[in-house]
Amino acid sequence: MEKEILIDKLKEVVKPYVQDEQAFKNLTEETDFINDLKVNSANLIDIILDIEDVFDIEIDNESMEQMLNVKKAVEIIQAKMV
């Protein structure tokens, strides 16, 4: 899956949990879910569960702990989809 399409799908998953709309509008690969988008840690777990459903993948705990920004989330999703 192309990175741009993957990021668009990821944005759809993240949107309901975002507390900072301006940061969401300016989302880049460097955007941090907690610091930039103000997603709390409980909602970050919900995002990861939603990602598993949307992309039909399973994310292990080690990968889950690394999914703190868009770039890392994209890398992990791409690796799991292979």
N, C-alpha and C. Protein backbone atom coordinates (compact mmCIF):
# COMPACT_ATOMS: atom_id res chain seq x y z
N MET A 1 0.85 -1.18 0.00
CA MET A 1 0.00 0.00 0.00
C MET A 1 0.89 1.25 0.00
N GLU A 2 0.54 2.22 -0.83
CA GLU A 2 1.32 3.44 -0.90
C GLU A 2 1.26 4.20 0.41
N LYS A 3 2.36 4.85 0.75
CA LYS A 3 2.47 5.56 2.02
C LYS A 3 1.39 6.63 2.17
N GLU A 4 1.09 7.36 1.09
CA GLU A 4 0.09 8.44 1.18
C GLU A 4 -1.29 7.88 1.51
N ILE A 5 -1.64 6.76 0.89
CA ILE A 5 -2.93 6.13 1.15
C ILE A 5 -2.97 5.62 2.59
N LEU A 6 -1.88 5.03 3.02
CA LEU A 6 -1.78 4.52 4.38
C LEU A 6 -1.94 5.66 5.40
N ILE A 7 -1.28 6.78 5.15
CA ILE A 7 -1.39 7.93 6.05
C ILE A 7 -2.82 8.47 6.07
N ASP A 8 -3.49 8.51 4.91
CA ASP A 8 -4.88 8.96 4.86
C ASP A 8 -5.78 8.06 5.70
N LYS A 9 -5.58 6.75 5.61
CA LYS A 9 -6.36 5.81 6.42
C LYS A 9 -6.05 5.98 7.89
N LEU A 10 -4.78 6.19 8.20
CA LEU A 10 -4.36 6.40 9.58
C LEU A 10 -5.00 7.66 10.15
N LYS A 11 -5.08 8.71 9.35
CA LYS A 11 -5.73 9.95 9.80
C LYS A 11 -7.20 9.71 10.15
N GLU A 12 -7.89 8.89 9.35
CA GLU A 12 -9.28 8.57 9.63
C GLU A 12 -9.43 7.87 10.98
N VAL A 13 -8.47 6.98 11.28
CA VAL A 13 -8.50 6.23 12.54
C VAL A 13 -8.24 7.16 13.72
N VAL A 14 -7.29 8.06 13.56
CA VAL A 14 -6.84 8.93 14.66
C VAL A 14 -7.82 10.07 14.94
N LYS A 15 -8.49 10.57 13.92
CA LYS A 15 -9.33 11.78 14.03
C LYS A 15 -10.27 11.82 15.24
N PRO A 16 -11.01 10.76 15.55
CA PRO A 16 -11.95 10.86 16.68
C PRO A 16 -11.27 11.08 18.04
N TYR A 17 -10.00 10.81 18.14
CA TYR A 17 -9.29 10.89 19.42
C TYR A 17 -8.47 12.17 19.58
N VAL A 18 -8.37 12.96 18.52
CA VAL A 18 -7.51 14.15 18.51
C VAL A 18 -8.12 15.25 19.38
N GLN A 19 -7.26 15.86 20.21
CA GLN A 19 -7.68 16.98 21.05
C GLN A 19 -7.20 18.33 20.49
N ASP A 20 -6.26 18.30 19.56
CA ASP A 20 -5.73 19.53 18.98
C ASP A 20 -6.00 19.51 17.47
N GLU A 21 -7.10 20.13 17.09
CA GLU A 21 -7.53 20.12 15.69
C GLU A 21 -6.52 20.78 14.76
N GLN A 22 -5.88 21.86 15.21
CA GLN A 22 -4.92 22.56 14.37
C GLN A 22 -3.73 21.66 14.06
N ALA A 23 -3.23 20.95 15.06
CA ALA A 23 -2.11 20.03 14.84
C ALA A 23 -2.54 18.91 13.89
N PHE A 24 -3.80 18.48 14.00
CA PHE A 24 -4.29 17.42 13.12
C PHE A 24 -4.31 17.90 11.67
N LYS A 25 -4.73 19.14 11.45
CA LYS A 25 -4.77 19.69 10.09
C LYS A 25 -3.38 19.78 9.49
N ASN A 26 -2.36 19.95 10.34
CA ASN A 26 -0.98 20.08 9.87
C ASN A 26 -0.20 18.79 10.05
N LEU A 27 -0.88 17.67 10.16
CA LEU A 27 -0.26 16.37 10.43
C LEU A 27 0.80 16.03 9.38
N THR A 28 1.97 15.62 9.87
CA THR A 28 3.06 15.15 9.02
C THR A 28 3.56 13.83 9.60
N GLU A 29 4.58 13.26 8.98
CA GLU A 29 5.16 12.02 9.50
C GLU A 29 5.79 12.24 10.87
N GLU A 30 6.19 13.47 11.16
CA GLU A 30 6.85 13.77 12.44
C GLU A 30 5.85 14.06 13.56
N THR A 31 4.56 14.10 13.26
CA THR A 31 3.54 14.41 14.27
C THR A 31 3.51 13.32 15.34
N ASP A 32 3.60 13.76 16.58
CA ASP A 32 3.56 12.88 17.75
C ASP A 32 2.11 12.79 18.23
N PHE A 33 1.63 11.57 18.44
CA PHE A 33 0.23 11.39 18.84
C PHE A 33 -0.07 12.06 20.18
N ILE A 34 0.81 11.91 21.16
CA ILE A 34 0.53 12.41 22.51
C ILE A 34 0.88 13.90 22.63
N ASN A 35 2.10 14.28 22.24
CA ASN A 35 2.55 15.67 22.42
C ASN A 35 1.91 16.65 21.46
N ASP A 36 1.73 16.26 20.20
CA ASP A 36 1.19 17.19 19.20
C ASP A 36 -0.33 17.13 19.11
N LEU A 37 -0.88 15.93 19.02
CA LEU A 37 -2.33 15.78 18.82
C LEU A 37 -3.08 15.71 20.14
N LYS A 38 -2.34 15.64 21.26
CA LYS A 38 -2.93 15.63 22.61
C LYS A 38 -3.83 14.41 22.82
N VAL A 39 -3.46 13.29 22.23
CA VAL A 39 -4.18 12.02 22.44
C VAL A 39 -3.69 11.46 23.77
N ASN A 40 -4.63 11.08 24.66
CA ASN A 40 -4.17 10.51 25.93
C ASN A 40 -3.77 9.05 25.74
N SER A 41 -3.05 8.52 26.71
CA SER A 41 -2.48 7.17 26.55
C SER A 41 -3.55 6.09 26.44
N ALA A 42 -4.68 6.27 27.11
CA ALA A 42 -5.77 5.28 26.98
C ALA A 42 -6.33 5.29 25.56
N ASN A 43 -6.49 6.47 24.99
CA ASN A 43 -6.98 6.56 23.62
C ASN A 43 -5.96 6.06 22.62
N LEU A 44 -4.68 6.15 22.96
CA LEU A 44 -3.65 5.62 22.07
C LEU A 44 -3.82 4.11 21.90
N ILE A 45 -4.21 3.45 22.97
CA ILE A 45 -4.49 2.01 22.90
C ILE A 45 -5.68 1.76 21.97
N ASP A 46 -6.71 2.60 22.09
CA ASP A 46 -7.88 2.48 21.21
C ASP A 46 -7.49 2.68 19.74
N ILE A 47 -6.61 3.65 19.50
CA ILE A 47 -6.14 3.90 18.13
C ILE A 47 -5.44 2.66 17.59
N ILE A 48 -4.59 2.07 18.39
CA ILE A 48 -3.85 0.87 17.95
C ILE A 48 -4.80 -0.28 17.66
N LEU A 49 -5.81 -0.46 18.50
CA LEU A 49 -6.81 -1.51 18.26
C LEU A 49 -7.58 -1.24 16.97
N ASP A 50 -7.91 0.04 16.73
CA ASP A 50 -8.60 0.41 15.50
C ASP A 50 -7.70 0.17 14.28
N ILE A 51 -6.41 0.47 14.42
CA ILE A 51 -5.46 0.24 13.33
C ILE A 51 -5.42 -1.25 12.99
N GLU A 52 -5.43 -2.10 14.01
CA GLU A 52 -5.43 -3.54 13.77
C GLU A 52 -6.64 -3.95 12.95
N ASP A 53 -7.80 -3.38 13.28
CA ASP A 53 -9.04 -3.71 12.55
C ASP A 53 -9.01 -3.18 11.11
N VAL A 54 -8.64 -1.92 10.95
CA VAL A 54 -8.66 -1.27 9.64
C VAL A 54 -7.68 -1.93 8.67
N PHE A 55 -6.49 -2.25 9.16
CA PHE A 55 -5.45 -2.79 8.28
C PHE A 55 -5.36 -4.31 8.35
N ASP A 56 -6.21 -4.93 9.16
CA ASP A 56 -6.24 -6.39 9.31
C ASP A 56 -4.85 -6.94 9.64
N ILE A 57 -4.26 -6.36 10.70
CA ILE A 57 -2.95 -6.79 11.17
C ILE A 57 -3.01 -7.00 12.68
N GLU A 58 -1.96 -7.62 13.22
CA GLU A 58 -1.84 -7.78 14.66
C GLU A 58 -0.57 -7.07 15.11
N ILE A 59 -0.71 -6.20 16.09
CA ILE A 59 0.42 -5.42 16.57
C ILE A 59 0.82 -5.93 17.95
N ASP A 60 2.06 -6.42 18.05
CA ASP A 60 2.55 -6.95 19.32
C ASP A 60 2.89 -5.81 20.28
N ASN A 61 3.08 -6.15 21.55
CA ASN A 61 3.33 -5.13 22.58
C ASN A 61 4.57 -4.30 22.30
N GLU A 62 5.64 -4.94 21.81
CA GLU A 62 6.87 -4.20 21.52
C GLU A 62 6.63 -3.14 20.45
N SER A 63 5.91 -3.50 19.40
CA SER A 63 5.59 -2.54 18.34
C SER A 63 4.66 -1.46 18.86
N MET A 64 3.71 -1.87 19.70
CA MET A 64 2.74 -0.93 20.26
C MET A 64 3.45 0.19 21.02
N GLU A 65 4.46 -0.17 21.79
CA GLU A 65 5.20 0.81 22.59
C GLU A 65 5.96 1.80 21.72
N GLN A 66 6.25 1.43 20.49
CA GLN A 66 7.01 2.30 19.58
C GLN A 66 6.10 3.22 18.76
N MET A 67 4.81 2.95 18.74
CA MET A 67 3.90 3.72 17.87
C MET A 67 3.48 5.04 18.51
N LEU A 68 4.44 5.95 18.62
CA LEU A 68 4.17 7.22 19.27
C LEU A 68 4.03 8.37 18.28
N ASN A 69 4.48 8.16 17.04
CA ASN A 69 4.31 9.21 16.04
C ASN A 69 3.86 8.59 14.71
N VAL A 70 3.48 9.44 13.79
CA VAL A 70 2.93 8.98 12.52
C VAL A 70 3.95 8.14 11.75
N LYS A 71 5.20 8.60 11.69
CA LYS A 71 6.22 7.89 10.92
C LYS A 71 6.41 6.46 11.43
N LYS A 72 6.53 6.30 12.75
CA LYS A 72 6.74 4.96 13.32
C LYS A 72 5.50 4.10 13.11
N ALA A 73 4.33 4.68 13.25
CA ALA A 73 3.09 3.92 13.03
C ALA A 73 3.03 3.41 11.59
N VAL A 74 3.39 4.26 10.63
CA VAL A 74 3.38 3.87 9.22
C VAL A 74 4.39 2.74 8.98
N GLU A 75 5.59 2.88 9.56
CA GLU A 75 6.62 1.84 9.39
C GLU A 75 6.13 0.49 9.92
N ILE A 76 5.52 0.51 11.10
CA ILE A 76 5.05 -0.73 11.73
C ILE A 76 3.90 -1.33 10.92
N ILE A 77 2.96 -0.51 10.49
CA ILE A 77 1.83 -1.01 9.69
C ILE A 77 2.35 -1.65 8.40
N GLN A 78 3.28 -0.96 7.72
CA GLN A 78 3.83 -1.50 6.48
C GLN A 78 4.53 -2.83 6.73
N ALA A 79 5.29 -2.93 7.80
CA ALA A 79 6.02 -4.16 8.12
C ALA A 79 5.05 -5.30 8.41
N LYS A 80 3.95 -5.01 9.09
CA LYS A 80 2.98 -6.05 9.47
C LYS A 80 2.13 -6.50 8.28
N MET A 81 2.01 -5.64 7.26
CA MET A 81 1.16 -5.97 6.11
C MET A 81 1.87 -6.86 5.09
N VAL A 82 3.18 -7.06 5.26
CA VAL A 82 3.94 -7.85 4.29
C VAL A 82 3.61 -9.32 4.43
